[in-house]
Amino acid sequence: MIEQAFRQLADEWIADTEFQSSMTRITAHPSYRKIISLGQEVLPLILRELGTRPRPWFSALHEITGHDPVQPHERGDMAAMAAAWQRWALANSIR
C-alpha cells in the first residue's frame, strides 16, 4: 500500500516538475510534500528511487531523517549527493 502511494505521488511529482528549474517550486509541489508526510516508511523507497532515477530527493530525505550526510564539496553533484545518502542508509541499516 505505501509503495503504491509513493509510486503514484513520485510519478506525479516527476511529471509536474520535470522541466522546473526552481528548487523551491520542485520541493513545494503537493505530491513531494505528501511523500514527506508519509514519514520514515518511505525512506527505503526514496533511496531506491534515488539510485535508479536520480531526482532532487535530498530535501525530503533531510526533512524525514533530520540528517544531511552530504559534504560541502559534494553539493551540486547529484551522483556524489546520492552516494552520500546511500552510505548514510547503509550505516543506519535502512534498506
PDB file of N, CA and C in Angstrom:
ATOM      1  N   MET A   1       0.818  -1.187   0.000  1.00  0.00           N
ATOM      2  CA  MET A   1       0.000   0.000   0.000  1.00  0.00           C
ATOM      3  C   MET A   1       0.868   1.260   0.000  1.00  0.00           C
ATOM      4  N   ILE A   2       1.863   1.341   0.900  1.00  0.00           N
ATOM      5  CA  ILE A   2       2.721   2.520   0.960  1.00  0.00           C
ATOM      6  C   ILE A   2       3.533   2.662  -0.326  1.00  0.00           C
ATOM      7  N   GLU A   3       3.983   1.536  -0.866  1.00  0.00           N
ATOM      8  CA  GLU A   3       4.765   1.598  -2.105  1.00  0.00           C
ATOM      9  C   GLU A   3       3.914   2.103  -3.266  1.00  0.00           C
ATOM     10  N   GLN A   4       2.690   1.673  -3.330  1.00  0.00           N
ATOM     11  CA  GLN A   4       1.782   2.126  -4.392  1.00  0.00           C
ATOM     12  C   GLN A   4       1.510   3.632  -4.255  1.00  0.00           C
ATOM     13  N   ALA A   5       1.259   4.094  -3.046  1.00  0.00           N
ATOM     14  CA  ALA A   5       1.016   5.523  -2.812  1.00  0.00           C
ATOM     15  C   ALA A   5       2.264   6.331  -3.174  1.00  0.00           C
ATOM     16  N   PHE A   6       3.432   5.837  -2.747  1.00  0.00           N
ATOM     17  CA  PHE A   6       4.677   6.519  -3.065  1.00  0.00           C
ATOM     18  C   PHE A   6       4.870   6.603  -4.567  1.00  0.00           C
ATOM     19  N   ARG A   7       4.699   5.483  -5.253  1.00  0.00           N
ATOM     20  CA  ARG A   7       4.920   5.444  -6.708  1.00  0.00           C
ATOM     21  C   ARG A   7       4.015   6.455  -7.410  1.00  0.00           C
ATOM     22  N   GLN A   8       2.747   6.487  -7.042  1.00  0.00           N
ATOM     23  CA  GLN A   8       1.809   7.412  -7.670  1.00  0.00           C
ATOM     24  C   GLN A   8       2.222   8.867  -7.420  1.00  0.00           C
ATOM     25  N   LEU A   9       2.541   9.180  -6.177  1.00  0.00           N
ATOM     26  CA  LEU A   9       2.951  10.542  -5.836  1.00  0.00           C
ATOM     27  C   LEU A   9       4.265  10.923  -6.511  1.00  0.00           C
ATOM     28  N   ALA A  10       5.218  10.002  -6.524  1.00  0.00           N
ATOM     29  CA  ALA A  10       6.507  10.283  -7.162  1.00  0.00           C
ATOM     30  C   ALA A  10       6.334  10.506  -8.659  1.00  0.00           C
ATOM     31  N   ASP A  11       5.520   9.689  -9.311  1.00  0.00           N
ATOM     32  CA  ASP A  11       5.283   9.857 -10.739  1.00  0.00           C
ATOM     33  C   ASP A  11       4.620  11.200 -11.039  1.00  0.00           C
ATOM     34  N   GLU A  12       3.668  11.594 -10.214  1.00  0.00           N
ATOM     35  CA  GLU A  12       3.011  12.898 -10.383  1.00  0.00           C
ATOM     36  C   GLU A  12       4.019  14.026 -10.208  1.00  0.00           C
ATOM     37  N   TRP A  13       4.809  13.932  -9.150  1.00  0.00           N
ATOM     38  CA  TRP A  13       5.803  14.958  -8.864  1.00  0.00           C
ATOM     39  C   TRP A  13       6.808  15.085 -10.005  1.00  0.00           C
ATOM     40  N   ILE A  14       7.318  13.974 -10.475  1.00  0.00           N
ATOM     41  CA  ILE A  14       8.305  13.994 -11.558  1.00  0.00           C
ATOM     42  C   ILE A  14       7.699  14.584 -12.826  1.00  0.00           C
ATOM     43  N   ALA A  15       6.512  14.146 -13.180  1.00  0.00           N
ATOM     44  CA  ALA A  15       5.859  14.654 -14.394  1.00  0.00           C
ATOM     45  C   ALA A  15       5.605  16.158 -14.306  1.00  0.00           C
ATOM     46  N   ASP A  16       5.177  16.609 -13.155  1.00  0.00           N
ATOM     47  CA  ASP A  16       4.826  18.023 -12.998  1.00  0.00           C
ATOM     48  C   ASP A  16       6.028  18.942 -12.841  1.00  0.00           C
ATOM     49  N   THR A  17       7.169  18.415 -12.432  1.00  0.00           N
ATOM     50  CA  THR A  17       8.327  19.281 -12.172  1.00  0.00           C
ATOM     51  C   THR A  17       9.511  18.975 -13.083  1.00  0.00           C
ATOM     52  N   GLU A  18       9.331  18.105 -14.042  1.00  0.00           N
ATOM     53  CA  GLU A  18      10.436  17.663 -14.899  1.00  0.00           C
ATOM     54  C   GLU A  18      11.212  18.820 -15.525  1.00  0.00           C
ATOM     55  N   PHE A  19      10.526  19.869 -15.927  1.00  0.00           N
ATOM     56  CA  PHE A  19      11.191  20.988 -16.595  1.00  0.00           C
ATOM     57  C   PHE A  19      11.274  22.230 -15.708  1.00  0.00           C
ATOM     58  N   GLN A  20      11.056  22.047 -14.437  1.00  0.00           N
ATOM     59  CA  GLN A  20      11.090  23.137 -13.464  1.00  0.00           C
ATOM     60  C   GLN A  20      12.539  23.339 -13.013  1.00  0.00           C
ATOM     61  N   SER A  21      12.986  24.585 -12.961  1.00  0.00           N
ATOM     62  CA  SER A  21      14.353  24.843 -12.512  1.00  0.00           C
ATOM     63  C   SER A  21      14.411  25.364 -11.081  1.00  0.00           C
ATOM     64  N   SER A  22      13.300  25.819 -10.548  1.00  0.00           N
ATOM     65  CA  SER A  22      13.270  26.355  -9.192  1.00  0.00           C
ATOM     66  C   SER A  22      13.179  25.222  -8.170  1.00  0.00           C
ATOM     67  N   MET A  23      14.239  25.081  -7.371  1.00  0.00           N
ATOM     68  CA  MET A  23      14.238  24.032  -6.353  1.00  0.00           C
ATOM     69  C   MET A  23      13.133  24.277  -5.332  1.00  0.00           C
ATOM     70  N   THR A  24      12.824  25.536  -5.075  1.00  0.00           N
ATOM     71  CA  THR A  24      11.743  25.863  -4.148  1.00  0.00           C
ATOM     72  C   THR A  24      10.418  25.317  -4.672  1.00  0.00           C
ATOM     73  N   ARG A  25      10.154  25.518  -5.938  1.00  0.00           N
ATOM     74  CA  ARG A  25       8.910  25.013  -6.526  1.00  0.00           C
ATOM     75  C   ARG A  25       8.905  23.491  -6.600  1.00  0.00           C
ATOM     76  N   ILE A  26      10.045  22.917  -6.904  1.00  0.00           N
ATOM     77  CA  ILE A  26      10.140  21.453  -7.000  1.00  0.00           C
ATOM     78  C   ILE A  26       9.826  20.815  -5.650  1.00  0.00           C
ATOM     79  N   THR A  27      10.402  21.354  -4.592  1.00  0.00           N
ATOM     80  CA  THR A  27      10.222  20.747  -3.265  1.00  0.00           C
ATOM     81  C   THR A  27       8.946  21.205  -2.566  1.00  0.00           C
ATOM     82  N   ALA A  28       8.263  22.191  -3.130  1.00  0.00           N
ATOM     83  CA  ALA A  28       6.985  22.635  -2.563  1.00  0.00           C
ATOM     84  C   ALA A  28       5.799  21.979  -3.266  1.00  0.00           C
ATOM     85  N   HIS A  29       6.073  21.187  -4.280  1.00  0.00           N
ATOM     86  CA  HIS A  29       4.995  20.531  -5.031  1.00  0.00           C
ATOM     87  C   HIS A  29       4.156  19.676  -4.067  1.00  0.00           C
ATOM     88  N   PRO A  30       2.840  19.714  -4.211  1.00  0.00           N
ATOM     89  CA  PRO A  30       1.966  18.953  -3.292  1.00  0.00           C
ATOM     90  C   PRO A  30       2.292  17.461  -3.188  1.00  0.00           C
ATOM     91  N   SER A  31       2.663  16.833  -4.289  1.00  0.00           N
ATOM     92  CA  SER A  31       2.993  15.397  -4.228  1.00  0.00           C
ATOM     93  C   SER A  31       4.270  15.157  -3.440  1.00  0.00           C
ATOM     94  N   TYR A  32       5.253  16.027  -3.599  1.00  0.00           N
ATOM     95  CA  TYR A  32       6.507  15.923  -2.844  1.00  0.00           C
ATOM     96  C   TYR A  32       6.223  16.076  -1.353  1.00  0.00           C
ATOM     97  N   ARG A  33       5.394  17.053  -1.019  1.00  0.00           N
ATOM     98  CA  ARG A  33       5.030  17.285   0.379  1.00  0.00           C
ATOM     99  C   ARG A  33       4.282  16.082   0.958  1.00  0.00           C
ATOM    100  N   LYS A  34       3.417  15.462   0.163  1.00  0.00           N
ATOM    101  CA  LYS A  34       2.687  14.273   0.635  1.00  0.00           C
ATOM    102  C   LYS A  34       3.641  13.108   0.869  1.00  0.00           C
ATOM    103  N   ILE A  35       4.633  12.974   0.001  1.00  0.00           N
ATOM    104  CA  ILE A  35       5.627  11.909   0.192  1.00  0.00           C
ATOM    105  C   ILE A  35       6.328  12.106   1.525  1.00  0.00           C
ATOM    106  N   ILE A  36       6.738  13.319   1.822  1.00  0.00           N
ATOM    107  CA  ILE A  36       7.401  13.611   3.093  1.00  0.00           C
ATOM    108  C   ILE A  36       6.487  13.283   4.261  1.00  0.00           C
ATOM    109  N   SER A  37       5.203  13.576   4.109  1.00  0.00           N
ATOM    110  CA  SER A  37       4.257  13.313   5.199  1.00  0.00           C
ATOM    111  C   SER A  37       4.070  11.827   5.473  1.00  0.00           C
ATOM    112  N   LEU A  38       4.484  10.971   4.549  1.00  0.00           N
ATOM    113  CA  LEU A  38       4.389   9.520   4.761  1.00  0.00           C
ATOM    114  C   LEU A  38       5.420   9.047   5.788  1.00  0.00           C
ATOM    115  N   GLY A  39       6.430   9.860   6.045  1.00  0.00           N
ATOM    116  CA  GLY A  39       7.389   9.575   7.109  1.00  0.00           C
ATOM    117  C   GLY A  39       8.444   8.531   6.767  1.00  0.00           C
ATOM    118  N   GLN A  40       9.010   7.966   7.812  1.00  0.00           N
ATOM    119  CA  GLN A  40      10.161   7.070   7.688  1.00  0.00           C
ATOM    120  C   GLN A  40       9.899   5.821   6.847  1.00  0.00           C
ATOM    121  N   GLU A  41       8.655   5.431   6.737  1.00  0.00           N
ATOM    122  CA  GLU A  41       8.335   4.243   5.931  1.00  0.00           C
ATOM    123  C   GLU A  41       8.764   4.387   4.472  1.00  0.00           C
ATOM    124  N   VAL A  42       8.822   5.617   3.978  1.00  0.00           N
ATOM    125  CA  VAL A  42       9.170   5.815   2.572  1.00  0.00           C
ATOM    126  C   VAL A  42      10.669   5.932   2.338  1.00  0.00           C
ATOM    127  N   LEU A  43      11.469   5.978   3.390  1.00  0.00           N
ATOM    128  CA  LEU A  43      12.914   6.123   3.200  1.00  0.00           C
ATOM    129  C   LEU A  43      13.504   5.089   2.247  1.00  0.00           C
ATOM    130  N   PRO A  44      13.241   3.795   2.441  1.00  0.00           N
ATOM    131  CA  PRO A  44      13.813   2.823   1.501  1.00  0.00           C
ATOM    132  C   PRO A  44      13.344   3.060   0.059  1.00  0.00           C
ATOM    133  N   LEU A  45      12.121   3.509  -0.095  1.00  0.00           N
ATOM    134  CA  LEU A  45      11.584   3.757  -1.436  1.00  0.00           C
ATOM    135  C   LEU A  45      12.248   4.964  -2.082  1.00  0.00           C
ATOM    136  N   ILE A  46      12.437   6.024  -1.312  1.00  0.00           N
ATOM    137  CA  ILE A  46      13.129   7.204  -1.847  1.00  0.00           C
ATOM    138  C   ILE A  46      14.566   6.848  -2.197  1.00  0.00           C
ATOM    139  N   LEU A  47      15.235   6.127  -1.324  1.00  0.00           N
ATOM    140  CA  LEU A  47      16.630   5.759  -1.577  1.00  0.00           C
ATOM    141  C   LEU A  47      16.761   4.855  -2.802  1.00  0.00           C
ATOM    142  N   ARG A  48      15.824   3.953  -2.971  1.00  0.00           N
ATOM    143  CA  ARG A  48      15.824   3.096  -4.166  1.00  0.00           C
ATOM    144  C   ARG A  48      15.608   3.952  -5.415  1.00  0.00           C
ATOM    145  N   GLU A  49      14.661   4.849  -5.331  1.00  0.00           N
ATOM    146  CA  GLU A  49      14.366   5.760  -6.440  1.00  0.00           C
ATOM    147  C   GLU A  49      15.592   6.615  -6.769  1.00  0.00           C
ATOM    148  N   LEU A  50      16.261   7.086  -5.750  1.00  0.00           N
ATOM    149  CA  LEU A  50      17.458   7.902  -5.935  1.00  0.00           C
ATOM    150  C   LEU A  50      18.538   7.128  -6.683  1.00  0.00           C
ATOM    151  N   GLY A  51      18.608   5.834  -6.436  1.00  0.00           N
ATOM    152  CA  GLY A  51      19.600   5.006  -7.114  1.00  0.00           C
ATOM    153  C   GLY A  51      19.258   4.685  -8.561  1.00  0.00           C
ATOM    154  N   THR A  52      17.970   4.684  -8.890  1.00  0.00           N
ATOM    155  CA  THR A  52      17.565   4.306 -10.244  1.00  0.00           C
ATOM    156  C   THR A  52      17.165   5.490 -11.117  1.00  0.00           C
ATOM    157  N   ARG A  53      16.564   6.490 -10.494  1.00  0.00           N
ATOM    158  CA  ARG A  53      16.082   7.667 -11.231  1.00  0.00           C
ATOM    159  C   ARG A  53      16.442   8.910 -10.419  1.00  0.00           C
ATOM    160  N   PRO A  54      17.692   9.367 -10.539  1.00  0.00           N
ATOM    161  CA  PRO A  54      18.128  10.492  -9.705  1.00  0.00           C
ATOM    162  C   PRO A  54      17.255  11.731  -9.892  1.00  0.00           C
ATOM    163  N   ARG A  55      16.765  12.218  -8.808  1.00  0.00           N
ATOM    164  CA  ARG A  55      15.952  13.429  -8.744  1.00  0.00           C
ATOM    165  C   ARG A  55      16.319  14.137  -7.445  1.00  0.00           C
ATOM    166  N   PRO A  56      15.900  15.365  -7.265  1.00  0.00           N
ATOM    167  CA  PRO A  56      16.254  16.076  -6.027  1.00  0.00           C
ATOM    168  C   PRO A  56      15.439  15.626  -4.806  1.00  0.00           C
ATOM    169  N   TRP A  57      15.771  14.435  -4.335  1.00  0.00           N
ATOM    170  CA  TRP A  57      15.116  13.866  -3.160  1.00  0.00           C
ATOM    171  C   TRP A  57      15.778  14.316  -1.857  1.00  0.00           C
ATOM    172  N   PHE A  58      16.860  15.059  -1.954  1.00  0.00           N
ATOM    173  CA  PHE A  58      17.686  15.348  -0.792  1.00  0.00           C
ATOM    174  C   PHE A  58      16.959  16.138   0.286  1.00  0.00           C
ATOM    175  N   SER A  59      16.138  17.070  -0.112  1.00  0.00           N
ATOM    176  CA  SER A  59      15.366  17.841   0.861  1.00  0.00           C
ATOM    177  C   SER A  59      14.386  16.943   1.610  1.00  0.00           C
ATOM    178  N   ALA A  60      13.734  16.058   0.880  1.00  0.00           N
ATOM    179  CA  ALA A  60      12.793  15.123   1.514  1.00  0.00           C
ATOM    180  C   ALA A  60      13.529  14.221   2.501  1.00  0.00           C
ATOM    181  N   LEU A  61      14.675  13.699   2.088  1.00  0.00           N
ATOM    182  CA  LEU A  61      15.451  12.836   2.981  1.00  0.00           C
ATOM    183  C   LEU A  61      15.852  13.587   4.242  1.00  0.00           C
ATOM    184  N   HIS A  62      16.291  14.808   4.070  1.00  0.00           N
ATOM    185  CA  HIS A  62      16.692  15.618   5.224  1.00  0.00           C
ATOM    186  C   HIS A  62      15.500  15.898   6.143  1.00  0.00           C
ATOM    187  N   GLU A  63      14.360  16.257   5.557  1.00  0.00           N
ATOM    188  CA  GLU A  63      13.175  16.553   6.384  1.00  0.00           C
ATOM    189  C   GLU A  63      12.695  15.326   7.149  1.00  0.00           C
ATOM    190  N   ILE A  64      12.740  14.179   6.517  1.00  0.00           N
ATOM    191  CA  ILE A  64      12.261  12.953   7.163  1.00  0.00           C
ATOM    192  C   ILE A  64      13.222  12.477   8.241  1.00  0.00           C
ATOM    193  N   THR A  65      14.526  12.551   7.956  1.00  0.00           N
ATOM    194  CA  THR A  65      15.509  11.969   8.874  1.00  0.00           C
ATOM    195  C   THR A  65      16.111  12.958   9.862  1.00  0.00           C
ATOM    196  N   GLY A  66      16.121  14.230   9.497  1.00  0.00           N
ATOM    197  CA  GLY A  66      16.809  15.216  10.320  1.00  0.00           C
ATOM    198  C   GLY A  66      18.313  15.193  10.119  1.00  0.00           C
ATOM    199  N   HIS A  67      18.782  14.441   9.144  1.00  0.00           N
ATOM    200  CA  HIS A  67      20.217  14.321   8.853  1.00  0.00           C
ATOM    201  C   HIS A  67      20.527  14.880   7.475  1.00  0.00           C
ATOM    202  N   ASP A  68      21.792  15.204   7.273  1.00  0.00           N
ATOM    203  CA  ASP A  68      22.273  15.628   5.966  1.00  0.00           C
ATOM    204  C   ASP A  68      23.723  15.168   5.830  1.00  0.00           C
ATOM    205  N   PRO A  69      23.917  13.976   5.271  1.00  0.00           N
ATOM    206  CA  PRO A  69      25.271  13.430   5.172  1.00  0.00           C
ATOM    207  C   PRO A  69      26.102  13.998   4.018  1.00  0.00           C
ATOM    208  N   VAL A  70      25.528  14.883   3.230  1.00  0.00           N
ATOM    209  CA  VAL A  70      26.224  15.439   2.069  1.00  0.00           C
ATOM    210  C   VAL A  70      27.262  16.454   2.538  1.00  0.00           C
ATOM    211  N   GLN A  71      28.499  16.241   2.124  1.00  0.00           N
ATOM    212  CA  GLN A  71      29.597  17.142   2.478  1.00  0.00           C
ATOM    213  C   GLN A  71      29.565  18.389   1.590  1.00  0.00           C
ATOM    214  N   PRO A  72      30.081  19.509   2.074  1.00  0.00           N
ATOM    215  CA  PRO A  72      30.052  20.746   1.278  1.00  0.00           C
ATOM    216  C   PRO A  72      30.612  20.583  -0.136  1.00  0.00           C
ATOM    217  N   HIS A  73      31.696  19.822  -0.294  1.00  0.00           N
ATOM    218  CA  HIS A  73      32.303  19.663  -1.617  1.00  0.00           C
ATOM    219  C   HIS A  73      31.455  18.775  -2.543  1.00  0.00           C
ATOM    220  N   GLU A  74      30.448  18.081  -1.995  1.00  0.00           N
ATOM    221  CA  GLU A  74      29.578  17.213  -2.804  1.00  0.00           C
ATOM    222  C   GLU A  74      28.333  17.952  -3.304  1.00  0.00           C
ATOM    223  N   ARG A  75      28.025  19.088  -2.710  1.00  0.00           N
ATOM    224  CA  ARG A  75      26.818  19.835  -3.070  1.00  0.00           C
ATOM    225  C   ARG A  75      26.846  20.218  -4.545  1.00  0.00           C
ATOM    226  N   GLY A  76      25.711  19.997  -5.185  1.00  0.00           N
ATOM    227  CA  GLY A  76      25.588  20.309  -6.612  1.00  0.00           C
ATOM    228  C   GLY A  76      25.951  19.145  -7.513  1.00  0.00           C
ATOM    229  N   ASP A  77      26.576  18.118  -6.975  1.00  0.00           N
ATOM    230  CA  ASP A  77      26.943  16.925  -7.742  1.00  0.00           C
ATOM    231  C   ASP A  77      25.944  15.830  -7.382  1.00  0.00           C
ATOM    232  N   MET A  78      24.936  15.641  -8.232  1.00  0.00           N
ATOM    233  CA  MET A  78      23.839  14.713  -7.954  1.00  0.00           C
ATOM    234  C   MET A  78      24.349  13.313  -7.615  1.00  0.00           C
ATOM    235  N   ALA A  79      25.329  12.821  -8.353  1.00  0.00           N
ATOM    236  CA  ALA A  79      25.855  11.477  -8.105  1.00  0.00           C
ATOM    237  C   ALA A  79      26.536  11.395  -6.732  1.00  0.00           C
ATOM    238  N   ALA A  80      27.318  12.402  -6.393  1.00  0.00           N
ATOM    239  CA  ALA A  80      28.010  12.407  -5.099  1.00  0.00           C
ATOM    240  C   ALA A  80      27.017  12.546  -3.953  1.00  0.00           C
ATOM    241  N   MET A  81      26.003  13.365  -4.141  1.00  0.00           N
ATOM    242  CA  MET A  81      24.983  13.541  -3.103  1.00  0.00           C
ATOM    243  C   MET A  81      24.200  12.250  -2.904  1.00  0.00           C
ATOM    244  N   ALA A  82      23.850  11.590  -4.003  1.00  0.00           N
ATOM    245  CA  ALA A  82      23.140  10.314  -3.909  1.00  0.00           C
ATOM    246  C   ALA A  82      24.002   9.277  -3.204  1.00  0.00           C
ATOM    247  N   ALA A  83      25.283   9.237  -3.537  1.00  0.00           N
ATOM    248  CA  ALA A  83      26.200   8.281  -2.898  1.00  0.00           C
ATOM    249  C   ALA A  83      26.312   8.550  -1.399  1.00  0.00           C
ATOM    250  N   ALA A  84      26.337   9.822  -1.016  1.00  0.00           N
ATOM    251  CA  ALA A  84      26.404  10.160   0.415  1.00  0.00           C
ATOM    252  C   ALA A  84      25.184   9.640   1.148  1.00  0.00           C
ATOM    253  N   TRP A  85      24.013   9.801   0.550  1.00  0.00           N
ATOM    254  CA  TRP A  85      22.792   9.295   1.182  1.00  0.00           C
ATOM    255  C   TRP A  85      22.754   7.761   1.195  1.00  0.00           C
ATOM    256  N   GLN A  86      23.277   7.129   0.161  1.00  0.00           N
ATOM    257  CA  GLN A  86      23.314   5.662   0.137  1.00  0.00           C
ATOM    258  C   GLN A  86      24.242   5.149   1.239  1.00  0.00           C
ATOM    259  N   ARG A  87      25.370   5.813   1.436  1.00  0.00           N
ATOM    260  CA  ARG A  87      26.278   5.426   2.527  1.00  0.00           C
ATOM    261  C   ARG A  87      25.597   5.618   3.880  1.00  0.00           C
ATOM    262  N   TRP A  88      24.891   6.738   4.035  1.00  0.00           N
ATOM    263  CA  TRP A  88      24.171   7.003   5.282  1.00  0.00           C
ATOM    264  C   TRP A  88      23.142   5.918   5.538  1.00  0.00           C
ATOM    265  N   ALA A  89      22.399   5.537   4.507  1.00  0.00           N
ATOM    266  CA  ALA A  89      21.380   4.499   4.650  1.00  0.00           C
ATOM    267  C   ALA A  89      22.012   3.167   5.070  1.00  0.00           C
ATOM    268  N   LEU A  90      23.111   2.820   4.463  1.00  0.00           N
ATOM    269  CA  LEU A  90      23.805   1.572   4.803  1.00  0.00           C
ATOM    270  C   LEU A  90      24.277   1.608   6.254  1.00  0.00           C
ATOM    271  N   ALA A  91      24.864   2.735   6.662  1.00  0.00           N
ATOM    272  CA  ALA A  91      25.352   2.871   8.039  1.00  0.00           C
ATOM    273  C   ALA A  91      24.217   2.844   9.062  1.00  0.00           C
ATOM    274  N   ASN A  92      23.012   3.200   8.623  1.00  0.00           N
ATOM    275  CA  ASN A  92      21.855   3.237   9.521  1.00  0.00           C
ATOM    276  C   ASN A  92      20.875   2.093   9.283  1.00  0.00           C
ATOM    277  N   SER A  93      21.357   1.086   8.549  1.00  0.00           N
ATOM    278  CA  SER A  93      20.569  -0.138   8.276  1.00  0.00           C
ATOM    279  C   SER A  93      19.187   0.150   7.673  1.00  0.00           C
ATOM    280  N   ILE A  94      19.149   1.088   6.751  1.00  0.00           N
ATOM    281  CA  ILE A  94      17.898   1.386   6.050  1.00  0.00           C
ATOM    282  C   ILE A  94      17.994   0.758   4.670  1.00  0.00           C
ATOM    283  N   ARG A  95      17.067  -0.140   4.439  1.00  0.00           N
ATOM    284  CA  ARG A  95      17.063  -0.871   3.163  1.00  0.00           C
ATOM    285  C   ARG A  95      15.702  -0.822   2.548  1.00  0.00           C
TER     286      ARG A  95
END
